[in-house]
PDB file of N, CA and C in Angstrom:
ATOM      1  N   MET A   1      86.703 -42.688  30.839  1.00  0.00           N
ATOM      2  CA  MET A   1      87.350 -41.422  31.049  1.00  0.00           C
ATOM      3  C   MET A   1      88.202 -41.542  32.308  1.00  0.00           C
ATOM      4  N   THR A   2      89.395 -41.091  32.233  1.00  0.00           N
ATOM      5  CA  THR A   2      90.327 -41.146  33.349  1.00  0.00           C
ATOM      6  C   THR A   2      90.198 -39.879  34.185  1.00  0.00           C
ATOM      7  N   LEU A   3      90.113 -40.041  35.496  1.00  0.00           N
ATOM      8  CA  LEU A   3      90.020 -38.894  36.401  1.00  0.00           C
ATOM      9  C   LEU A   3      91.393 -38.597  36.975  1.00  0.00           C
ATOM     10  N   PHE A   4      91.764 -37.343  36.941  1.00  0.00           N
ATOM     11  CA  PHE A   4      93.015 -36.906  37.543  1.00  0.00           C
ATOM     12  C   PHE A   4      92.696 -36.041  38.756  1.00  0.00           C
ATOM     13  N   ASP A   5      93.442 -36.238  39.789  1.00  0.00           N
ATOM     14  CA  ASP A   5      93.274 -35.465  41.029  1.00  0.00           C
ATOM     15  C   ASP A   5      91.840 -35.509  41.542  1.00  0.00           C
ATOM     16  N   ALA A   6      91.255 -36.678  41.563  1.00  0.00           N
ATOM     17  CA  ALA A   6      89.885 -36.835  42.066  1.00  0.00           C
ATOM     18  C   ALA A   6      89.887 -36.623  43.579  1.00  0.00           C
ATOM     19  N   PRO A   7      88.969 -35.790  44.070  1.00  0.00           N
ATOM     20  CA  PRO A   7      88.932 -35.557  45.518  1.00  0.00           C
ATOM     21  C   PRO A   7      88.386 -36.780  46.247  1.00  0.00           C
ATOM     22  N   THR A   8      88.921 -36.980  47.424  1.00  0.00           N
ATOM     23  CA  THR A   8      88.429 -38.086  48.237  1.00  0.00           C
ATOM     24  C   THR A   8      87.140 -37.655  48.938  1.00  0.00           C
ATOM     25  N   VAL A   9      86.456 -38.617  49.517  1.00  0.00           N
ATOM     26  CA  VAL A   9      85.241 -38.309  50.251  1.00  0.00           C
ATOM     27  C   VAL A   9      85.565 -37.406  51.441  1.00  0.00           C
ATOM     28  N   HIS A  10      86.697 -37.660  52.074  1.00  0.00           N
ATOM     29  CA  HIS A  10      87.118 -36.842  53.218  1.00  0.00           C
ATOM     30  C   HIS A  10      87.320 -35.393  52.781  1.00  0.00           C
ATOM     31  N   ASP A  11      87.934 -35.167  51.632  1.00  0.00           N
ATOM     32  CA  ASP A  11      88.132 -33.807  51.117  1.00  0.00           C
ATOM     33  C   ASP A  11      86.801 -33.139  50.795  1.00  0.00           C
ATOM     34  N   GLN A  12      85.880 -33.891  50.242  1.00  0.00           N
ATOM     35  CA  GLN A  12      84.573 -33.325  49.916  1.00  0.00           C
ATOM     36  C   GLN A  12      83.801 -32.933  51.178  1.00  0.00           C
ATOM     37  N   ILE A  13      83.915 -33.754  52.212  1.00  0.00           N
ATOM     38  CA  ILE A  13      83.247 -33.440  53.474  1.00  0.00           C
ATOM     39  C   ILE A  13      83.887 -32.213  54.114  1.00  0.00           C
ATOM     40  N   ASP A  14      85.218 -32.121  54.050  1.00  0.00           N
ATOM     41  CA  ASP A  14      85.902 -30.933  54.572  1.00  0.00           C
ATOM     42  C   ASP A  14      85.458 -29.671  53.850  1.00  0.00           C
ATOM     43  N   ASP A  15      85.296 -29.751  52.538  1.00  0.00           N
ATOM     44  CA  ASP A  15      84.823 -28.599  51.769  1.00  0.00           C
ATOM     45  C   ASP A  15      83.394 -28.225  52.161  1.00  0.00           C
ATOM     46  N   LEU A  16      82.588 -29.223  52.444  1.00  0.00           N
ATOM     47  CA  LEU A  16      81.212 -28.974  52.844  1.00  0.00           C
ATOM     48  C   LEU A  16      81.148 -28.269  54.200  1.00  0.00           C
ATOM     49  N   TYR A  17      81.970 -28.721  55.123  1.00  0.00           N
ATOM     50  CA  TYR A  17      81.962 -28.136  56.458  1.00  0.00           C
ATOM     51  C   TYR A  17      82.745 -26.835  56.543  1.00  0.00           C
ATOM     52  N   LEU A  18      83.437 -26.455  55.508  1.00  0.00           N
ATOM     53  CA  LEU A  18      84.178 -25.201  55.500  1.00  0.00           C
ATOM     54  C   LEU A  18      83.223 -24.022  55.665  1.00  0.00           C
ATOM     55  N   VAL A  19      82.097 -24.063  55.001  1.00  0.00           N
ATOM     56  CA  VAL A  19      81.098 -23.003  55.129  1.00  0.00           C
ATOM     57  C   VAL A  19      80.563 -22.948  56.560  1.00  0.00           C
ATOM     58  N   VAL A  20      80.352 -24.099  57.157  1.00  0.00           N
ATOM     59  CA  VAL A  20      79.855 -24.145  58.530  1.00  0.00           C
ATOM     60  C   VAL A  20      80.876 -23.536  59.487  1.00  0.00           C
ATOM     61  N   ARG A  21      82.148 -23.853  59.273  1.00  0.00           N
ATOM     62  CA  ARG A  21      83.191 -23.292  60.140  1.00  0.00           C
ATOM     63  C   ARG A  21      83.294 -21.783  59.986  1.00  0.00           C
ATOM     64  N   TYR A  22      83.187 -21.273  58.768  1.00  0.00           N
ATOM     65  CA  TYR A  22      83.215 -19.830  58.560  1.00  0.00           C
ATOM     66  C   TYR A  22      82.012 -19.162  59.227  1.00  0.00           C
ATOM     67  N   THR A  23      80.859 -19.777  59.113  1.00  0.00           N
ATOM     68  CA  THR A  23      79.661 -19.225  59.739  1.00  0.00           C
ATOM     69  C   THR A  23      79.806 -19.205  61.251  1.00  0.00           C
ATOM     70  N   GLN A  24      80.347 -20.260  61.820  1.00  0.00           N
ATOM     71  CA  GLN A  24      80.569 -20.297  63.258  1.00  0.00           C
ATOM     72  C   GLN A  24      81.549 -19.217  63.687  1.00  0.00           C
ATOM     73  N   ALA A  25      82.574 -18.993  62.899  1.00  0.00           N
ATOM     74  CA  ALA A  25      83.541 -17.951  63.231  1.00  0.00           C
ATOM     75  C   ALA A  25      82.892 -16.576  63.198  1.00  0.00           C
ATOM     76  N   VAL A  26      82.065 -16.321  62.198  1.00  0.00           N
ATOM     77  CA  VAL A  26      81.381 -15.026  62.104  1.00  0.00           C
ATOM     78  C   VAL A  26      80.444 -14.843  63.284  1.00  0.00           C
ATOM     79  N   TYR A  27      79.670 -15.869  63.622  1.00  0.00           N
ATOM     80  CA  TYR A  27      78.773 -15.765  64.775  1.00  0.00           C
ATOM     81  C   TYR A  27      79.564 -15.563  66.067  1.00  0.00           C
ATOM     82  N   GLY A  28      80.688 -16.214  66.191  1.00  0.00           N
ATOM     83  CA  GLY A  28      81.528 -16.023  67.373  1.00  0.00           C
ATOM     84  C   GLY A  28      82.041 -14.600  67.488  1.00  0.00           C
ATOM     85  N   ILE A  29      82.464 -14.027  66.371  1.00  0.00           N
ATOM     86  CA  ILE A  29      82.957 -12.647  66.379  1.00  0.00           C
ATOM     87  C   ILE A  29      81.830 -11.676  66.708  1.00  0.00           C
ATOM     88  N   VAL A  30      80.665 -11.886  66.119  1.00  0.00           N
ATOM     89  CA  VAL A  30      79.515 -11.021  66.404  1.00  0.00           C
ATOM     90  C   VAL A  30      79.107 -11.151  67.871  1.00  0.00           C
ATOM     91  N   GLY A  31      79.117 -12.375  68.400  1.00  0.00           N
ATOM     92  CA  GLY A  31      78.784 -12.578  69.804  1.00  0.00           C
ATOM     93  C   GLY A  31      79.779 -11.907  70.734  1.00  0.00           C
ATOM     94  N   LEU A  32      81.058 -11.982  70.408  1.00  0.00           N
ATOM     95  CA  LEU A  32      82.082 -11.322  71.203  1.00  0.00           C
ATOM     96  C   LEU A  32      81.906  -9.814  71.166  1.00  0.00           C
ATOM     97  N   PHE A  33      81.601  -9.281  69.981  1.00  0.00           N
ATOM     98  CA  PHE A  33      81.352  -7.852  69.857  1.00  0.00           C
ATOM     99  C   PHE A  33      80.143  -7.436  70.688  1.00  0.00           C
ATOM    100  N   ALA A  34      79.093  -8.244  70.690  1.00  0.00           N
ATOM    101  CA  ALA A  34      77.904  -7.943  71.486  1.00  0.00           C
ATOM    102  C   ALA A  34      78.229  -7.961  72.977  1.00  0.00           C
ATOM    103  N   LEU A  35      79.069  -8.898  73.397  1.00  0.00           N
ATOM    104  CA  LEU A  35      79.466  -8.973  74.802  1.00  0.00           C
ATOM    105  C   LEU A  35      80.260  -7.738  75.211  1.00  0.00           C
ATOM    106  N   VAL A  36      81.187  -7.315  74.365  1.00  0.00           N
ATOM    107  CA  VAL A  36      81.973  -6.114  74.656  1.00  0.00           C
ATOM    108  C   VAL A  36      81.068  -4.888  74.688  1.00  0.00           C
ATOM    109  N   LEU A  37      80.163  -4.800  73.724  1.00  0.00           N
ATOM    110  CA  LEU A  37      79.247  -3.665  73.669  1.00  0.00           C
ATOM    111  C   LEU A  37      78.350  -3.613  74.905  1.00  0.00           C
ATOM    112  N   ALA A  38      77.856  -4.748  75.336  1.00  0.00           N
ATOM    113  CA  ALA A  38      77.024  -4.795  76.539  1.00  0.00           C
ATOM    114  C   ALA A  38      77.827  -4.415  77.778  1.00  0.00           C
ATOM    115  N   SER A  39      79.077  -4.857  77.841  1.00  0.00           N
ATOM    116  CA  SER A  39      79.930  -4.519  78.986  1.00  0.00           C
ATOM    117  C   SER A  39      80.207  -3.023  79.046  1.00  0.00           C
ATOM    118  N   VAL A  40      80.488  -2.429  77.894  1.00  0.00           N
ATOM    119  CA  VAL A  40      80.738  -0.985  77.853  1.00  0.00           C
ATOM    120  C   VAL A  40      79.470  -0.221  78.236  1.00  0.00           C
ATOM    121  N   GLY A  41      78.331  -0.685  77.753  1.00  0.00           N
ATOM    122  CA  GLY A  41      77.070  -0.037  78.116  1.00  0.00           C
ATOM    123  C   GLY A  41      76.783  -0.128  79.602  1.00  0.00           C
ATOM    124  N   LEU A  42      77.038  -1.295  80.180  1.00  0.00           N
ATOM    125  CA  LEU A  42      76.825  -1.471  81.612  1.00  0.00           C
ATOM    126  C   LEU A  42      77.769  -0.587  82.410  1.00  0.00           C
ATOM    127  N   ALA A  43      79.011  -0.471  81.968  1.00  0.00           N
ATOM    128  CA  ALA A  43      79.965   0.403  82.653  1.00  0.00           C
ATOM    129  C   ALA A  43      79.522   1.854  82.560  1.00  0.00           C
ATOM    130  N   GLY A  44      78.988   2.246  81.418  1.00  0.00           N
ATOM    131  CA  GLY A  44      78.503   3.615  81.260  1.00  0.00           C
ATOM    132  C   GLY A  44      77.311   3.918  82.152  1.00  0.00           C
ATOM    133  N   VAL A  45      76.384   2.977  82.215  1.00  0.00           N
ATOM    134  CA  VAL A  45      75.207   3.169  83.077  1.00  0.00           C
ATOM    135  C   VAL A  45      75.621   3.226  84.543  1.00  0.00           C
ATOM    136  N   THR A  46      76.559   2.371  84.942  1.00  0.00           N
ATOM    137  CA  THR A  46      77.035   2.370  86.320  1.00  0.00           C
ATOM    138  C   THR A  46      77.765   3.675  86.641  1.00  0.00           C
ATOM    139  N   ALA A  47      78.593   4.159  85.708  1.00  0.00           N
ATOM    140  CA  ALA A  47      79.292   5.424  85.918  1.00  0.00           C
ATOM    141  C   ALA A  47      78.312   6.583  86.011  1.00  0.00           C
ATOM    142  N   HIS A  48      77.293   6.570  85.176  1.00  0.00           N
ATOM    143  CA  HIS A  48      76.285   7.635  85.224  1.00  0.00           C
ATOM    144  C   HIS A  48      75.527   7.605  86.554  1.00  0.00           C
ATOM    145  N   ALA A  49      75.177   6.416  87.014  1.00  0.00           N
ATOM    146  CA  ALA A  49      74.471   6.302  88.296  1.00  0.00           C
ATOM    147  C   ALA A  49      75.358   6.772  89.447  1.00  0.00           C
ATOM    148  N   ALA A  50      76.642   6.473  89.397  1.00  0.00           N
ATOM    149  CA  ALA A  50      77.557   6.917  90.450  1.00  0.00           C
ATOM    150  C   ALA A  50      77.721   8.440  90.426  1.00  0.00           C
ATOM    151  N   MET A  51      77.774   9.028  89.242  1.00  0.00           N
ATOM    152  CA  MET A  51      77.887  10.490  89.143  1.00  0.00           C
ATOM    153  C   MET A  51      76.604  11.171  89.625  1.00  0.00           C
ATOM    154  N   ARG A  52      75.473  10.553  89.364  1.00  0.00           N
ATOM    155  CA  ARG A  52      74.202  11.099  89.830  1.00  0.00           C
ATOM    156  C   ARG A  52      74.109  11.077  91.349  1.00  0.00           C
ATOM    157  N   ARG A  53      74.763  10.098  91.954  1.00  0.00           N
ATOM    158  CA  ARG A  53      74.729   9.943  93.412  1.00  0.00           C
ATOM    159  C   ARG A  53      75.973  10.523  94.073  1.00  0.00           C
ATOM    160  N   ARG A  54      76.644  11.443  93.388  1.00  0.00           N
ATOM    161  CA  ARG A  54      77.897  12.006  93.901  1.00  0.00           C
ATOM    162  C   ARG A  54      77.694  12.688  95.252  1.00  0.00           C
ATOM    163  N   THR A  55      76.600  13.403  95.418  1.00  0.00           N
ATOM    164  CA  THR A  55      76.349  14.076  96.691  1.00  0.00           C
ATOM    165  C   THR A  55      76.163  13.055  97.813  1.00  0.00           C
ATOM    166  N   GLU A  56      75.393  11.999  97.533  1.00  0.00           N
ATOM    167  CA  GLU A  56      75.188  10.948  98.537  1.00  0.00           C
ATOM    168  C   GLU A  56      76.507  10.285  98.903  1.00  0.00           C
ATOM    169  N   ILE A  57      77.324  10.026  97.912  1.00  0.00           N
ATOM    170  CA  ILE A  57      78.620   9.385  98.169  1.00  0.00           C
ATOM    171  C   ILE A  57      79.506  10.310  98.989  1.00  0.00           C
ATOM    172  N   GLY A  58      79.475  11.604  98.671  1.00  0.00           N
ATOM    173  CA  GLY A  58      80.259  12.569  99.455  1.00  0.00           C
ATOM    174  C   GLY A  58      79.810  12.625 100.904  1.00  0.00           C
ATOM    175  N   ILE A  59      78.511  12.587 101.147  1.00  0.00           N
ATOM    176  CA  ILE A  59      77.999  12.589 102.520  1.00  0.00           C
ATOM    177  C   ILE A  59      78.412  11.318 103.239  1.00  0.00           C
ATOM    178  N   ARG A  60      78.328  10.192 102.570  1.00  0.00           N
ATOM    179  CA  ARG A  60      78.756   8.922 103.188  1.00  0.00           C
ATOM    180  C   ARG A  60      80.236   8.966 103.561  1.00  0.00           C
ATOM    181  N   MET A  61      81.053   9.518 102.661  1.00  0.00           N
ATOM    182  CA  MET A  61      82.490   9.611 102.949  1.00  0.00           C
ATOM    183  C   MET A  61      82.737  10.580 104.114  1.00  0.00           C
ATOM    184  N   ALA A  62      81.974  11.673 104.183  1.00  0.00           N
ATOM    185  CA  ALA A  62      82.130  12.628 105.279  1.00  0.00           C
ATOM    186  C   ALA A  62      81.724  12.024 106.618  1.00  0.00           C
ATOM    187  N   LEU A  63      80.770  11.095 106.570  1.00  0.00           N
ATOM    188  CA  LEU A  63      80.333  10.447 107.809  1.00  0.00           C
ATOM    189  C   LEU A  63      81.218   9.272 108.211  1.00  0.00           C
ATOM    190  N   GLY A  64      82.229   8.961 107.397  1.00  0.00           N
ATOM    191  CA  GLY A  64      83.188   7.948 107.806  1.00  0.00           C
ATOM    192  C   GLY A  64      83.223   6.690 106.967  1.00  0.00           C
ATOM    193  N   ALA A  65      82.518   6.669 105.869  1.00  0.00           N
ATOM    194  CA  ALA A  65      82.561   5.476 105.014  1.00  0.00           C
ATOM    195  C   ALA A  65      83.922   5.387 104.337  1.00  0.00           C
ATOM    196  N   ARG A  66      84.453   4.191 104.277  1.00  0.00           N
ATOM    197  CA  ARG A  66      85.743   3.973 103.613  1.00  0.00           C
ATOM    198  C   ARG A  66      85.525   3.838 102.108  1.00  0.00           C
ATOM    199  N   SER A  67      86.584   4.036 101.348  1.00  0.00           N
ATOM    200  CA  SER A  67      86.466   3.966  99.886  1.00  0.00           C
ATOM    201  C   SER A  67      86.087   2.553  99.438  1.00  0.00           C
ATOM    202  N   GLU A  68      86.491   1.535 100.203  1.00  0.00           N
ATOM    203  CA  GLU A  68      86.112   0.161  99.866  1.00  0.00           C
ATOM    204  C   GLU A  68      84.613  -0.038  99.989  1.00  0.00           C
ATOM    205  N   GLN A  69      84.004   0.606 100.985  1.00  0.00           N
ATOM    206  CA  GLN A  69      82.558   0.495 101.158  1.00  0.00           C
ATOM    207  C   GLN A  69      81.818   1.186 100.019  1.00  0.00           C
ATOM    208  N   ILE A  70      82.332   2.329  99.590  1.00  0.00           N
ATOM    209  CA  ILE A  70      81.714   3.048  98.474  1.00  0.00           C
ATOM    210  C   ILE A  70      81.866   2.240  97.192  1.00  0.00           C
ATOM    211  N   LEU A  71      83.054   1.670  96.989  1.00  0.00           N
ATOM    212  CA  LEU A  71      83.278   0.829  95.811  1.00  0.00           C
ATOM    213  C   LEU A  71      82.335  -0.368  95.821  1.00  0.00           C
ATOM    214  N   GLY A  72      82.147  -0.984  96.986  1.00  0.00           N
ATOM    215  CA  GLY A  72      81.226  -2.110  97.117  1.00  0.00           C
ATOM    216  C   GLY A  72      79.794  -1.710  96.800  1.00  0.00           C
ATOM    217  N   LEU A  73      79.409  -0.500  97.230  1.00  0.00           N
ATOM    218  CA  LEU A  73      78.063  -0.003  96.956  1.00  0.00           C
ATOM    219  C   LEU A  73      77.826   0.140  95.452  1.00  0.00           C
ATOM    220  N   VAL A  74      78.783   0.739  94.763  1.00  0.00           N
ATOM    221  CA  VAL A  74      78.645   0.945  93.323  1.00  0.00           C
ATOM    222  C   VAL A  74      78.724  -0.388  92.578  1.00  0.00           C
ATOM    223  N   MET A  75      79.621  -1.266  92.984  1.00  0.00           N
ATOM    224  CA  MET A  75      79.760  -2.568  92.323  1.00  0.00           C
ATOM    225  C   MET A  75      78.528  -3.437  92.552  1.00  0.00           C
ATOM    226  N   ARG A  76      77.945  -3.333  93.742  1.00  0.00           N
ATOM    227  CA  ARG A  76      76.734  -4.104  94.033  1.00  0.00           C
ATOM    228  C   ARG A  76      75.588  -3.649  93.124  1.00  0.00           C
ATOM    229  N   GLU A  77      75.499  -2.337  92.894  1.00  0.00           N
ATOM    230  CA  GLU A  77      74.464  -1.819  91.993  1.00  0.00           C
ATOM    231  C   GLU A  77      74.668  -2.344  90.566  1.00  0.00           C
ATOM    232  N   GLY A  78      75.922  -2.390  90.114  1.00  0.00           N
ATOM    233  CA  GLY A  78      76.215  -2.945  88.783  1.00  0.00           C
ATOM    234  C   GLY A  78      75.904  -4.426  88.704  1.00  0.00           C
ATOM    235  N   ALA A  79      76.181  -5.141  89.792  1.00  0.00           N
ATOM    236  CA  ALA A  79      75.904  -6.581  89.814  1.00  0.00           C
ATOM    237  C   ALA A  79      74.402  -6.850  89.771  1.00  0.00           C
ATOM    238  N   VAL A  80      73.624  -6.009  90.441  1.00  0.00           N
ATOM    239  CA  VAL A  80      72.164  -6.168  90.415  1.00  0.00           C
ATOM    240  C   VAL A  80      71.651  -5.927  88.999  1.00  0.00           C
ATOM    241  N   MET A  81      72.175  -4.889  88.331  1.00  0.00           N
ATOM    242  CA  MET A  81      71.749  -4.638  86.949  1.00  0.00           C
ATOM    243  C   MET A  81      72.123  -5.802  86.034  1.00  0.00           C
ATOM    244  N   THR A  82      73.304  -6.374  86.241  1.00  0.00           N
ATOM    245  CA  THR A  82      73.743  -7.508  85.432  1.00  0.00           C
ATOM    246  C   THR A  82      72.852  -8.726  85.668  1.00  0.00           C
ATOM    247  N   ALA A  83      72.555  -9.005  86.930  1.00  0.00           N
ATOM    248  CA  ALA A  83      71.709 -10.156  87.253  1.00  0.00           C
ATOM    249  C   ALA A  83      70.297  -9.972  86.702  1.00  0.00           C
ATOM    250  N   LEU A  84      69.773  -8.757  86.795  1.00  0.00           N
ATOM    251  CA  LEU A  84      68.443  -8.491  86.264  1.00  0.00           C
ATOM    252  C   LEU A  84      68.423  -8.659  84.747  1.00  0.00           C
ATOM    253  N   GLY A  85      69.449  -8.151  84.075  1.00  0.00           N
ATOM    254  CA  GLY A  85      69.535  -8.312  82.621  1.00  0.00           C
ATOM    255  C   GLY A  85      69.668  -9.767  82.221  1.00  0.00           C
ATOM    256  N   ALA A  86      70.437 -10.541  82.986  1.00  0.00           N
ATOM    257  CA  ALA A  86      70.585 -11.958  82.683  1.00  0.00           C
ATOM    258  C   ALA A  86      69.261 -12.698  82.869  1.00  0.00           C
ATOM    259  N   CYS A  87      68.524 -12.370  83.918  1.00  0.00           N
ATOM    260  CA  CYS A  87      67.224 -13.018  84.143  1.00  0.00           C
ATOM    261  C   CYS A  87      66.242 -12.692  83.022  1.00  0.00           C
ATOM    262  N   ILE A  88      66.224 -11.434  82.597  1.00  0.00           N
ATOM    263  CA  ILE A  88      65.334 -11.054  81.496  1.00  0.00           C
ATOM    264  C   ILE A  88      65.751 -11.765  80.214  1.00  0.00           C
ATOM    265  N   GLY A  89      67.058 -11.835  79.959  1.00  0.00           N
ATOM    266  CA  GLY A  89      67.540 -12.518  78.760  1.00  0.00           C
ATOM    267  C   GLY A  89      67.205 -13.993  78.755  1.00  0.00           C
ATOM    268  N   ILE A  90      67.342 -14.627  79.891  1.00  0.00           N
ATOM    269  CA  ILE A  90      67.014 -16.055  79.984  1.00  0.00           C
ATOM    270  C   ILE A  90      65.511 -16.268  79.823  1.00  0.00           C
ATOM    271  N   ALA A  91      64.721 -15.367  80.400  1.00  0.00           N
ATOM    272  CA  ALA A  91      63.271 -15.510  80.300  1.00  0.00           C
ATOM    273  C   ALA A  91      62.790 -15.376  78.865  1.00  0.00           C
ATOM    274  N   PHE A  92      63.395 -14.491  78.094  1.00  0.00           N
ATOM    275  CA  PHE A  92      62.964 -14.315  76.711  1.00  0.00           C
ATOM    276  C   PHE A  92      63.648 -15.279  75.754  1.00  0.00           C
ATOM    277  N   HIS A  93      64.718 -15.957  76.218  1.00  0.00           N
ATOM    278  CA  HIS A  93      65.379 -16.939  75.364  1.00  0.00           C
ATOM    279  C   HIS A  93      64.578 -18.261  75.380  1.00  0.00           C
ATOM    280  N   LEU A  94      63.863 -18.588  76.455  1.00  0.00           N
ATOM    281  CA  LEU A  94      63.167 -19.877  76.497  1.00  0.00           C
ATOM    282  C   LEU A  94      62.107 -19.993  75.432  1.00  0.00           C
ATOM    283  N   PRO A  95      61.250 -18.961  75.150  1.00  0.00           N
ATOM    284  CA  PRO A  95      60.295 -19.103  74.048  1.00  0.00           C
ATOM    285  C   PRO A  95      60.987 -19.214  72.689  1.00  0.00           C
ATOM    286  N   ALA A  96      62.079 -18.498  72.505  1.00  0.00           N
ATOM    287  CA  ALA A  96      62.800 -18.574  71.229  1.00  0.00           C
ATOM    288  C   ALA A  96      63.391 -19.964  71.039  1.00  0.00           C
ATOM    289  N   HIS A  97      63.916 -20.534  72.094  1.00  0.00           N
ATOM    290  CA  HIS A  97      64.489 -21.880  72.015  1.00  0.00           C
ATOM    291  C   HIS A  97      63.402 -22.909  71.706  1.00  0.00           C
ATOM    292  N   ARG A  98      62.241 -22.741  72.315  1.00  0.00           N
ATOM    293  CA  ARG A  98      61.135 -23.668  72.077  1.00  0.00           C
ATOM    294  C   ARG A  98      60.640 -23.558  70.635  1.00  0.00           C
ATOM    295  N   SER A  99      60.562 -22.342  70.099  1.00  0.00           N
ATOM    296  CA  SER A  99      60.089 -22.183  68.724  1.00  0.00           C
ATOM    297  C   SER A  99      61.096 -22.707  67.712  1.00  0.00           C
ATOM    298  N   ALA A 100      62.367 -22.743  68.069  1.00  0.00           N
ATOM    299  CA  ALA A 100      63.374 -23.273  67.153  1.00  0.00           C
ATOM    300  C   ALA A 100      63.282 -24.793  67.036  1.00  0.00           C
ATOM    301  N   ARG A 101      62.657 -25.453  68.008  1.00  0.00           N
ATOM    302  CA  ARG A 101      62.539 -26.909  67.986  1.00  0.00           C
ATOM    303  C   ARG A 101      61.241 -27.401  67.354  1.00  0.00           C
ATOM    304  N   VAL A 102      60.415 -26.485  66.842  1.00  0.00           N
ATOM    305  CA  VAL A 102      59.134 -26.876  66.248  1.00  0.00           C
ATOM    306  C   VAL A 102      59.386 -27.634  64.950  1.00  0.00           C
ATOM    307  N   ASN A 103      58.662 -28.716  64.771  1.00  0.00           N
ATOM    308  CA  ASN A 103      58.755 -29.494  63.547  1.00  0.00           C
ATOM    309  C   ASN A 103      58.094 -28.694  62.420  1.00  0.00           C
ATOM    310  N   PRO A 104      58.802 -28.407  61.331  1.00  0.00           N
ATOM    311  CA  PRO A 104      58.222 -27.589  60.265  1.00  0.00           C
ATOM    312  C   PRO A 104      56.990 -28.209  59.626  1.00  0.00           C
ATOM    313  N   LEU A 105      56.956 -29.517  59.534  1.00  0.00           N
ATOM    314  CA  LEU A 105      55.778 -30.156  58.948  1.00  0.00           C
ATOM    315  C   LEU A 105      54.539 -29.958  59.804  1.00  0.00           C
ATOM    316  N   VAL A 106      54.705 -30.042  61.098  1.00  0.00           N
ATOM    317  CA  VAL A 106      53.579 -29.826  62.015  1.00  0.00           C
ATOM    318  C   VAL A 106      53.118 -28.369  61.939  1.00  0.00           C
ATOM    319  N   ALA A 107      54.066 -27.449  61.879  1.00  0.00           N
ATOM    320  CA  ALA A 107      53.718 -26.020  61.814  1.00  0.00           C
ATOM    321  C   ALA A 107      52.998 -25.690  60.508  1.00  0.00           C
ATOM    322  N   LEU A 108      53.438 -26.298  59.398  1.00  0.00           N
ATOM    323  CA  LEU A 108      52.804 -26.011  58.120  1.00  0.00           C
ATOM    324  C   LEU A 108      51.419 -26.641  58.018  1.00  0.00           C
ATOM    325  N   ARG A 109      51.212 -27.766  58.677  1.00  0.00           N
ATOM    326  CA  ARG A 109      49.893 -28.421  58.637  1.00  0.00           C
ATOM    327  C   ARG A 109      48.863 -27.614  59.424  1.00  0.00           C
ATOM    328  N   GLN A 110      49.317 -26.903  60.454  1.00  0.00           N
ATOM    329  CA  GLN A 110      48.388 -26.153  61.278  1.00  0.00           C
ATOM    330  C   GLN A 110      47.906 -24.883  60.585  1.00  0.00           C
ATOM    331  N   GLU A 111      48.616 -24.391  59.616  1.00  0.00           N
ATOM    332  CA  GLU A 111      48.231 -23.145  58.949  1.00  0.00           C
ATOM    333  C   GLU A 111      47.221 -23.337  57.893  1.00  0.00           C
TER     334      GLU A 111
END
């Protein structure tokens, strides 16, 4: 039987990895969306905290604090929240990373 337009091995491998590339693109888009969502949430929490402390900020400004100092105060609070969230995320990612490396045969034998 004569084959016409037979795909090469390179073409077959490209077709195989096409699904992987699409999956990576979807995960990248979802990750980017999560990053934007987290940033908006952090900005909202920081804005809410600044509005809650409006009286304190007004007193500081009345006593001579410059706007740069007030901005630094609010930004420092946001940075602390970001660092705390990153530490918590890293702490909970280590067990997940370790469980992803478990050999399935070993896990199934233990059950």
